[in-house]
N, C-alpha and C. Protein backbone atom coordinates (compact mmCIF):
# COMPACT_ATOMS: atom_id res chain seq x y z
N MET A 1 159.11 57.95 121.42
CA MET A 1 159.52 59.17 120.76
C MET A 1 158.50 60.27 121.08
N ILE A 2 159.00 61.46 121.24
CA ILE A 2 158.15 62.61 121.50
C ILE A 2 158.01 63.42 120.22
N ASN A 3 156.79 63.47 119.69
CA ASN A 3 156.50 64.23 118.47
C ASN A 3 155.71 65.47 118.85
N ILE A 4 156.20 66.62 118.39
CA ILE A 4 155.55 67.88 118.72
C ILE A 4 155.29 68.65 117.43
N HIS A 5 154.04 69.00 117.24
CA HIS A 5 153.63 69.79 116.08
C HIS A 5 153.25 71.18 116.58
N VAL A 6 153.73 72.21 115.91
CA VAL A 6 153.45 73.59 116.32
C VAL A 6 152.77 74.33 115.18
N GLU A 7 151.66 75.01 115.49
CA GLU A 7 150.94 75.83 114.51
C GLU A 7 150.67 77.20 115.11
N SER A 8 150.54 78.18 114.24
CA SER A 8 150.21 79.53 114.70
C SER A 8 149.25 80.19 113.75
N ASP A 9 148.42 81.06 114.28
CA ASP A 9 147.57 81.91 113.47
C ASP A 9 148.50 82.74 112.59
N PRO A 10 148.32 82.70 111.26
CA PRO A 10 149.23 83.44 110.37
C PRO A 10 149.21 84.95 110.58
N GLN A 11 148.18 85.47 111.25
CA GLN A 11 148.11 86.91 111.51
C GLN A 11 148.91 87.31 112.74
N LEU A 12 149.44 86.32 113.47
CA LEU A 12 150.20 86.60 114.68
C LEU A 12 151.67 86.31 114.47
N ASN A 13 152.50 86.92 115.27
CA ASN A 13 153.94 86.69 115.22
C ASN A 13 154.22 85.41 116.01
N ASP A 14 154.36 84.30 115.29
CA ASP A 14 154.46 83.03 115.99
C ASP A 14 155.84 82.81 116.60
N PRO A 15 155.86 82.05 117.70
CA PRO A 15 157.14 81.77 118.37
C PRO A 15 157.97 80.79 117.56
N ASN A 16 159.24 80.71 117.89
CA ASN A 16 160.17 79.78 117.26
C ASN A 16 159.71 78.35 117.54
N HIS A 17 159.34 77.64 116.50
CA HIS A 17 158.80 76.29 116.66
C HIS A 17 159.80 75.34 117.29
N GLU A 18 161.05 75.48 116.93
CA GLU A 18 162.09 74.61 117.50
C GLU A 18 162.21 74.82 119.01
N THR A 19 162.16 76.06 119.45
CA THR A 19 162.25 76.35 120.88
C THR A 19 161.02 75.83 121.62
N VAL A 20 159.84 75.99 121.02
CA VAL A 20 158.62 75.43 121.63
C VAL A 20 158.81 73.93 121.84
N SER A 21 159.27 73.25 120.79
CA SER A 21 159.49 71.80 120.87
C SER A 21 160.53 71.43 121.93
N GLU A 22 161.58 72.22 122.04
CA GLU A 22 162.60 71.96 123.04
C GLU A 22 162.04 72.10 124.46
N ILE A 23 161.22 73.11 124.68
CA ILE A 23 160.62 73.32 126.01
C ILE A 23 159.72 72.14 126.36
N VAL A 24 158.83 71.77 125.43
CA VAL A 24 157.90 70.68 125.68
C VAL A 24 158.66 69.36 125.89
N SER A 25 159.64 69.10 125.06
CA SER A 25 160.43 67.87 125.20
C SER A 25 161.12 67.80 126.55
N CYS A 26 161.66 68.92 127.01
CA CYS A 26 162.33 68.98 128.31
C CYS A 26 161.35 68.62 129.42
N VAL A 27 160.17 69.23 129.41
CA VAL A 27 159.17 68.94 130.44
C VAL A 27 158.79 67.46 130.41
N MET A 28 158.54 66.94 129.21
CA MET A 28 158.15 65.53 129.10
C MET A 28 159.24 64.61 129.65
N LYS A 29 160.47 64.88 129.28
CA LYS A 29 161.58 64.03 129.75
C LYS A 29 161.73 64.13 131.27
N LEU A 30 161.64 65.34 131.82
CA LEU A 30 161.77 65.50 133.26
C LEU A 30 160.59 64.88 134.02
N GLU A 31 159.47 64.70 133.34
CA GLU A 31 158.30 64.04 133.93
C GLU A 31 158.27 62.55 133.56
N ASN A 32 159.39 62.05 133.00
CA ASN A 32 159.55 60.63 132.66
C ASN A 32 158.58 60.15 131.57
N ILE A 33 158.26 61.02 130.64
CA ILE A 33 157.43 60.66 129.50
C ILE A 33 158.36 60.46 128.30
N THR A 34 158.27 59.30 127.66
CA THR A 34 159.13 59.02 126.51
C THR A 34 158.35 58.91 125.21
N ASP A 35 157.03 58.78 125.29
CA ASP A 35 156.20 58.68 124.10
C ASP A 35 155.09 59.71 124.16
N ALA A 36 155.06 60.60 123.16
CA ALA A 36 154.02 61.63 123.14
C ALA A 36 153.80 62.11 121.71
N ASP A 37 152.54 62.41 121.43
CA ASP A 37 152.15 63.05 120.17
C ASP A 37 151.36 64.29 120.56
N LEU A 38 151.99 65.45 120.41
CA LEU A 38 151.42 66.68 120.94
C LEU A 38 151.35 67.76 119.88
N SER A 39 150.31 68.57 119.98
CA SER A 39 150.18 69.75 119.12
C SER A 39 150.05 70.98 119.99
N PHE A 40 150.80 72.02 119.64
CA PHE A 40 150.71 73.31 120.31
C PHE A 40 150.24 74.31 119.28
N ILE A 41 149.09 74.93 119.56
CA ILE A 41 148.47 75.86 118.64
C ILE A 41 148.44 77.24 119.28
N PHE A 42 149.06 78.20 118.63
CA PHE A 42 149.12 79.57 119.12
C PHE A 42 148.11 80.40 118.34
N GLY A 43 147.15 80.97 119.07
CA GLY A 43 146.09 81.71 118.40
C GLY A 43 145.76 82.99 119.13
N ASN A 44 144.54 83.47 118.87
CA ASN A 44 144.10 84.73 119.46
C ASN A 44 143.05 84.47 120.54
N ASP A 45 142.61 85.55 121.17
CA ASP A 45 141.61 85.44 122.24
C ASP A 45 140.30 84.83 121.74
N ASP A 46 139.90 85.16 120.51
CA ASP A 46 138.64 84.63 119.99
C ASP A 46 138.65 83.11 119.92
N LEU A 47 139.75 82.55 119.45
CA LEU A 47 139.86 81.09 119.35
C LEU A 47 139.72 80.45 120.73
N LEU A 48 140.48 80.93 121.69
CA LEU A 48 140.44 80.32 123.01
C LEU A 48 139.11 80.57 123.72
N SER A 49 138.52 81.72 123.51
CA SER A 49 137.21 82.00 124.10
C SER A 49 136.15 81.05 123.55
N ARG A 50 136.19 80.80 122.24
CA ARG A 50 135.24 79.85 121.64
C ARG A 50 135.44 78.45 122.22
N LEU A 51 136.68 78.01 122.36
CA LEU A 51 136.96 76.69 122.93
C LEU A 51 136.50 76.61 124.38
N LYS A 52 136.75 77.67 125.14
CA LYS A 52 136.37 77.70 126.55
C LYS A 52 134.85 77.61 126.69
N LYS A 53 134.14 78.29 125.81
CA LYS A 53 132.68 78.27 125.86
C LYS A 53 132.15 76.91 125.42
N GLU A 54 132.69 76.39 124.32
CA GLU A 54 132.20 75.13 123.77
C GLU A 54 132.47 73.94 124.69
N PHE A 55 133.68 73.86 125.24
CA PHE A 55 134.07 72.66 125.99
C PHE A 55 133.95 72.80 127.50
N PHE A 56 133.91 74.03 128.01
CA PHE A 56 133.86 74.23 129.47
C PHE A 56 132.65 75.05 129.90
N ASP A 57 131.84 75.47 128.92
CA ASP A 57 130.64 76.27 129.18
C ASP A 57 130.94 77.52 130.00
N LYS A 58 132.08 78.15 129.70
CA LYS A 58 132.46 79.39 130.38
C LYS A 58 132.73 80.45 129.31
N ASP A 59 132.13 81.62 129.50
CA ASP A 59 132.30 82.71 128.55
C ASP A 59 133.32 83.69 129.12
N GLN A 60 134.59 83.40 128.87
CA GLN A 60 135.65 84.24 129.42
C GLN A 60 136.93 84.07 128.62
N PHE A 61 137.80 85.08 128.75
CA PHE A 61 139.12 84.97 128.15
C PHE A 61 139.95 83.98 128.96
N THR A 62 140.84 83.30 128.29
CA THR A 62 141.77 82.40 128.97
C THR A 62 143.07 82.39 128.20
N ASP A 63 144.14 82.04 128.88
CA ASP A 63 145.46 82.07 128.23
C ASP A 63 145.87 80.73 127.64
N VAL A 64 145.45 79.62 128.26
CA VAL A 64 145.87 78.30 127.80
C VAL A 64 144.75 77.29 128.06
N ILE A 65 144.55 76.42 127.08
CA ILE A 65 143.61 75.30 127.22
C ILE A 65 144.33 74.06 126.73
N ALA A 66 144.24 73.00 127.52
CA ALA A 66 144.88 71.73 127.16
C ALA A 66 143.83 70.63 127.07
N PHE A 67 143.92 69.84 126.02
CA PHE A 67 143.03 68.71 125.82
C PHE A 67 143.86 67.43 125.75
N ARG A 68 143.66 66.53 126.67
CA ARG A 68 144.28 65.21 126.59
C ARG A 68 143.37 64.39 125.69
N LEU A 69 143.91 63.82 124.64
CA LEU A 69 143.11 63.12 123.64
C LEU A 69 143.00 61.62 123.90
N ASN A 70 143.80 61.11 124.81
CA ASN A 70 143.68 59.70 125.18
C ASN A 70 143.62 59.61 126.70
N ASP A 71 143.45 58.40 127.22
CA ASP A 71 143.32 58.22 128.66
C ASP A 71 144.63 58.55 129.38
N TYR A 72 144.50 59.15 130.55
CA TYR A 72 145.67 59.53 131.34
C TYR A 72 146.49 58.32 131.78
N GLU A 73 145.87 57.15 131.81
CA GLU A 73 146.59 55.94 132.22
C GLU A 73 147.52 55.42 131.13
N GLU A 74 147.29 55.82 129.88
CA GLU A 74 148.13 55.33 128.78
C GLU A 74 149.52 55.94 128.85
N LYS A 75 150.52 55.13 128.47
CA LYS A 75 151.91 55.60 128.50
C LYS A 75 152.15 56.71 127.48
N ASN A 76 151.61 56.53 126.27
CA ASN A 76 151.76 57.54 125.23
C ASN A 76 150.81 58.70 125.53
N VAL A 77 151.35 59.90 125.57
CA VAL A 77 150.53 61.09 125.83
C VAL A 77 150.13 61.70 124.50
N GLU A 78 148.82 61.80 124.28
CA GLU A 78 148.31 62.45 123.09
C GLU A 78 147.51 63.66 123.53
N GLY A 79 147.85 64.83 122.96
CA GLY A 79 147.11 66.01 123.39
C GLY A 79 147.35 67.23 122.53
N GLU A 80 146.51 68.22 122.80
CA GLU A 80 146.59 69.51 122.13
C GLU A 80 146.60 70.60 123.18
N VAL A 81 147.42 71.61 122.95
CA VAL A 81 147.47 72.78 123.84
C VAL A 81 147.26 74.01 122.97
N TYR A 82 146.30 74.84 123.39
CA TYR A 82 146.01 76.09 122.71
C TYR A 82 146.44 77.24 123.61
N ILE A 83 147.20 78.17 123.04
CA ILE A 83 147.70 79.31 123.81
C ILE A 83 147.34 80.60 123.08
N SER A 84 146.76 81.55 123.84
CA SER A 84 146.44 82.86 123.28
C SER A 84 147.66 83.77 123.42
N LEU A 85 148.23 84.16 122.29
CA LEU A 85 149.39 85.06 122.33
C LEU A 85 149.01 86.45 122.87
N PRO A 86 147.84 87.01 122.50
CA PRO A 86 147.48 88.30 123.11
C PRO A 86 147.31 88.20 124.63
N ARG A 87 146.75 87.11 125.11
CA ARG A 87 146.57 86.92 126.56
C ARG A 87 147.94 86.78 127.23
N ALA A 88 148.88 86.08 126.57
CA ALA A 88 150.23 85.94 127.12
C ALA A 88 150.88 87.31 127.27
N LYS A 89 150.66 88.19 126.29
CA LYS A 89 151.21 89.55 126.37
C LYS A 89 150.60 90.31 127.54
N GLU A 90 149.28 90.19 127.71
CA GLU A 90 148.60 90.85 128.84
C GLU A 90 149.13 90.32 130.17
N ASN A 91 149.28 88.99 130.26
CA ASN A 91 149.81 88.38 131.49
C ASN A 91 151.20 88.92 131.81
N ALA A 92 152.03 89.01 130.78
CA ALA A 92 153.41 89.48 130.99
C ALA A 92 153.40 90.89 131.59
N LYS A 93 152.54 91.75 131.07
CA LYS A 93 152.43 93.11 131.62
C LYS A 93 151.92 93.06 133.06
N LYS A 94 150.86 92.29 133.27
CA LYS A 94 150.23 92.19 134.59
C LYS A 94 151.21 91.69 135.65
N PHE A 95 151.98 90.65 135.30
CA PHE A 95 152.91 90.05 136.27
C PHE A 95 154.31 90.63 136.19
N GLU A 96 154.47 91.64 135.33
CA GLU A 96 155.77 92.31 135.15
C GLU A 96 156.89 91.30 134.86
N GLU A 97 156.60 90.45 133.89
CA GLU A 97 157.55 89.43 133.44
C GLU A 97 157.86 89.67 131.96
N PRO A 98 159.02 89.24 131.49
CA PRO A 98 159.27 89.32 130.05
C PRO A 98 158.26 88.44 129.29
N PHE A 99 157.80 88.92 128.14
CA PHE A 99 156.83 88.17 127.34
C PHE A 99 157.33 86.75 127.06
N HIS A 100 158.59 86.62 126.69
CA HIS A 100 159.14 85.30 126.36
C HIS A 100 159.00 84.34 127.54
N LYS A 101 159.25 84.85 128.74
CA LYS A 101 159.17 84.00 129.93
C LYS A 101 157.72 83.60 130.21
N GLU A 102 156.81 84.54 130.07
CA GLU A 102 155.39 84.23 130.29
C GLU A 102 154.91 83.20 129.28
N LEU A 103 155.34 83.34 128.04
CA LEU A 103 154.95 82.36 127.02
C LEU A 103 155.55 81.00 127.35
N GLY A 104 156.80 80.98 127.80
CA GLY A 104 157.41 79.72 128.24
C GLY A 104 156.62 79.08 129.36
N ARG A 105 156.17 79.91 130.31
CA ARG A 105 155.37 79.40 131.43
C ARG A 105 154.07 78.77 130.92
N LEU A 106 153.41 79.41 129.96
CA LEU A 106 152.16 78.86 129.44
C LEU A 106 152.39 77.55 128.69
N ILE A 107 153.48 77.45 127.97
CA ILE A 107 153.82 76.21 127.28
C ILE A 107 154.02 75.09 128.31
N ILE A 108 154.75 75.40 129.36
CA ILE A 108 154.98 74.43 130.44
C ILE A 108 153.66 74.10 131.14
N HIS A 109 152.85 75.11 131.43
CA HIS A 109 151.58 74.92 132.11
C HIS A 109 150.68 73.97 131.30
N GLY A 110 150.55 74.23 130.01
CA GLY A 110 149.74 73.36 129.16
C GLY A 110 150.28 71.94 129.12
N SER A 111 151.59 71.81 129.07
CA SER A 111 152.22 70.47 129.07
C SER A 111 151.87 69.72 130.35
N LEU A 112 151.93 70.41 131.48
CA LEU A 112 151.62 69.78 132.76
C LEU A 112 150.16 69.35 132.83
N HIS A 113 149.26 70.16 132.28
CA HIS A 113 147.85 69.76 132.23
C HIS A 113 147.68 68.46 131.45
N LEU A 114 148.43 68.30 130.36
CA LEU A 114 148.33 67.07 129.57
C LEU A 114 148.77 65.85 130.38
N LEU A 115 149.57 66.08 131.40
CA LEU A 115 150.07 64.99 132.23
C LEU A 115 149.18 64.75 133.45
N GLY A 116 148.09 65.50 133.54
CA GLY A 116 147.14 65.26 134.61
C GLY A 116 147.22 66.23 135.78
N TYR A 117 148.13 67.18 135.73
CA TYR A 117 148.20 68.18 136.79
C TYR A 117 147.02 69.13 136.67
N GLU A 118 146.47 69.51 137.80
CA GLU A 118 145.32 70.41 137.82
C GLU A 118 145.68 71.68 138.59
N ASP A 119 144.82 72.68 138.47
CA ASP A 119 145.06 73.93 139.19
C ASP A 119 143.75 74.52 139.72
N GLU A 120 142.84 73.63 140.13
CA GLU A 120 141.55 74.09 140.66
C GLU A 120 141.67 74.56 142.10
N SER A 121 142.40 73.82 142.92
CA SER A 121 142.54 74.19 144.33
C SER A 121 143.83 74.98 144.54
N GLU A 122 143.94 75.62 145.70
CA GLU A 122 145.16 76.36 146.03
C GLU A 122 146.36 75.41 146.10
N ALA A 123 146.16 74.22 146.67
CA ALA A 123 147.26 73.24 146.77
C ALA A 123 147.73 72.80 145.39
N GLU A 124 146.77 72.57 144.47
CA GLU A 124 147.13 72.17 143.11
C GLU A 124 147.86 73.31 142.39
N LYS A 125 147.36 74.54 142.57
CA LYS A 125 148.01 75.71 141.95
C LYS A 125 149.45 75.84 142.43
N LYS A 126 149.66 75.60 143.73
CA LYS A 126 151.01 75.71 144.30
C LYS A 126 151.96 74.71 143.64
N ILE A 127 151.51 73.47 143.48
CA ILE A 127 152.33 72.44 142.84
C ILE A 127 152.64 72.83 141.40
N MET A 128 151.62 73.28 140.67
CA MET A 128 151.83 73.67 139.27
C MET A 128 152.82 74.82 139.18
N THR A 129 152.66 75.84 140.01
CA THR A 129 153.54 77.00 139.96
C THR A 129 154.97 76.61 140.31
N GLU A 130 155.14 75.76 141.30
CA GLU A 130 156.49 75.30 141.66
C GLU A 130 157.13 74.55 140.49
N LYS A 131 156.37 73.69 139.83
CA LYS A 131 156.90 72.95 138.68
C LYS A 131 157.23 73.91 137.54
N GLU A 132 156.33 74.86 137.27
CA GLU A 132 156.58 75.85 136.22
C GLU A 132 157.86 76.62 136.50
N ASP A 133 157.99 77.11 137.73
CA ASP A 133 159.19 77.87 138.10
C ASP A 133 160.45 77.03 137.92
N HIS A 134 160.39 75.78 138.34
CA HIS A 134 161.56 74.90 138.21
C HIS A 134 161.90 74.67 136.73
N TYR A 135 160.87 74.32 135.93
CA TYR A 135 161.14 74.02 134.52
C TYR A 135 161.59 75.26 133.75
N LEU A 136 161.14 76.43 134.16
CA LEU A 136 161.62 77.66 133.50
C LEU A 136 163.12 77.83 133.67
N THR A 137 163.69 77.26 134.75
CA THR A 137 165.15 77.34 134.94
C THR A 137 165.88 76.29 134.11
N GLN A 138 165.13 75.33 133.55
CA GLN A 138 165.73 74.23 132.81
C GLN A 138 165.68 74.42 131.29
N VAL A 139 164.91 75.41 130.83
CA VAL A 139 164.70 75.58 129.39
C VAL A 139 165.17 76.96 128.93
N ASN A 140 165.31 77.10 127.63
CA ASN A 140 165.81 78.33 127.03
C ASN A 140 164.64 79.16 126.50
N TRP A 141 163.77 79.64 127.41
CA TRP A 141 162.58 80.38 127.00
C TRP A 141 162.91 81.68 126.28
N ASN A 142 164.09 82.25 126.52
CA ASN A 142 164.41 83.53 125.89
C ASN A 142 164.68 83.40 124.38
N GLN A 143 164.67 82.16 123.88
CA GLN A 143 164.85 81.94 122.44
C GLN A 143 163.52 81.75 121.71
N LEU A 144 162.39 81.99 122.39
CA LEU A 144 161.09 81.80 121.75
C LEU A 144 160.87 82.75 120.58
N TYR A 145 161.51 83.91 120.63
CA TYR A 145 161.45 84.86 119.52
C TYR A 145 162.85 85.38 119.25
N GLY A 146 163.12 85.63 117.98
CA GLY A 146 164.40 86.23 117.62
C GLY A 146 165.56 85.29 117.54
């Protein structure tokens, strides 16, 4: 069973939790994952910057951070994904994409990180982007708000 918990900073306009869960479930199923316990936390730049500094020793803004809580070899995926809603808005402007679509991409991106996909090299980034683009055609990202 795939269990997805969604939380948001109460000061932010949080996305539709059901749609977040549907996007994550779709990615997991298409990646052949049937057991997962996942949390998606939507916060601000300060939260993600603190996490980036504490766990990665980098002092910078970031849009998404994923933590796999168990070994990648285990069938059950346990993890947490943190997404900065202000950063998602900035990305949407920068890439001239609808905010909903950019947020959908970040949800997918974080999900893929939990499955072991990386984006350090150009080749890894290419694979991640191709998967993100494909999964964006499979999910209803435009229902994240409203």
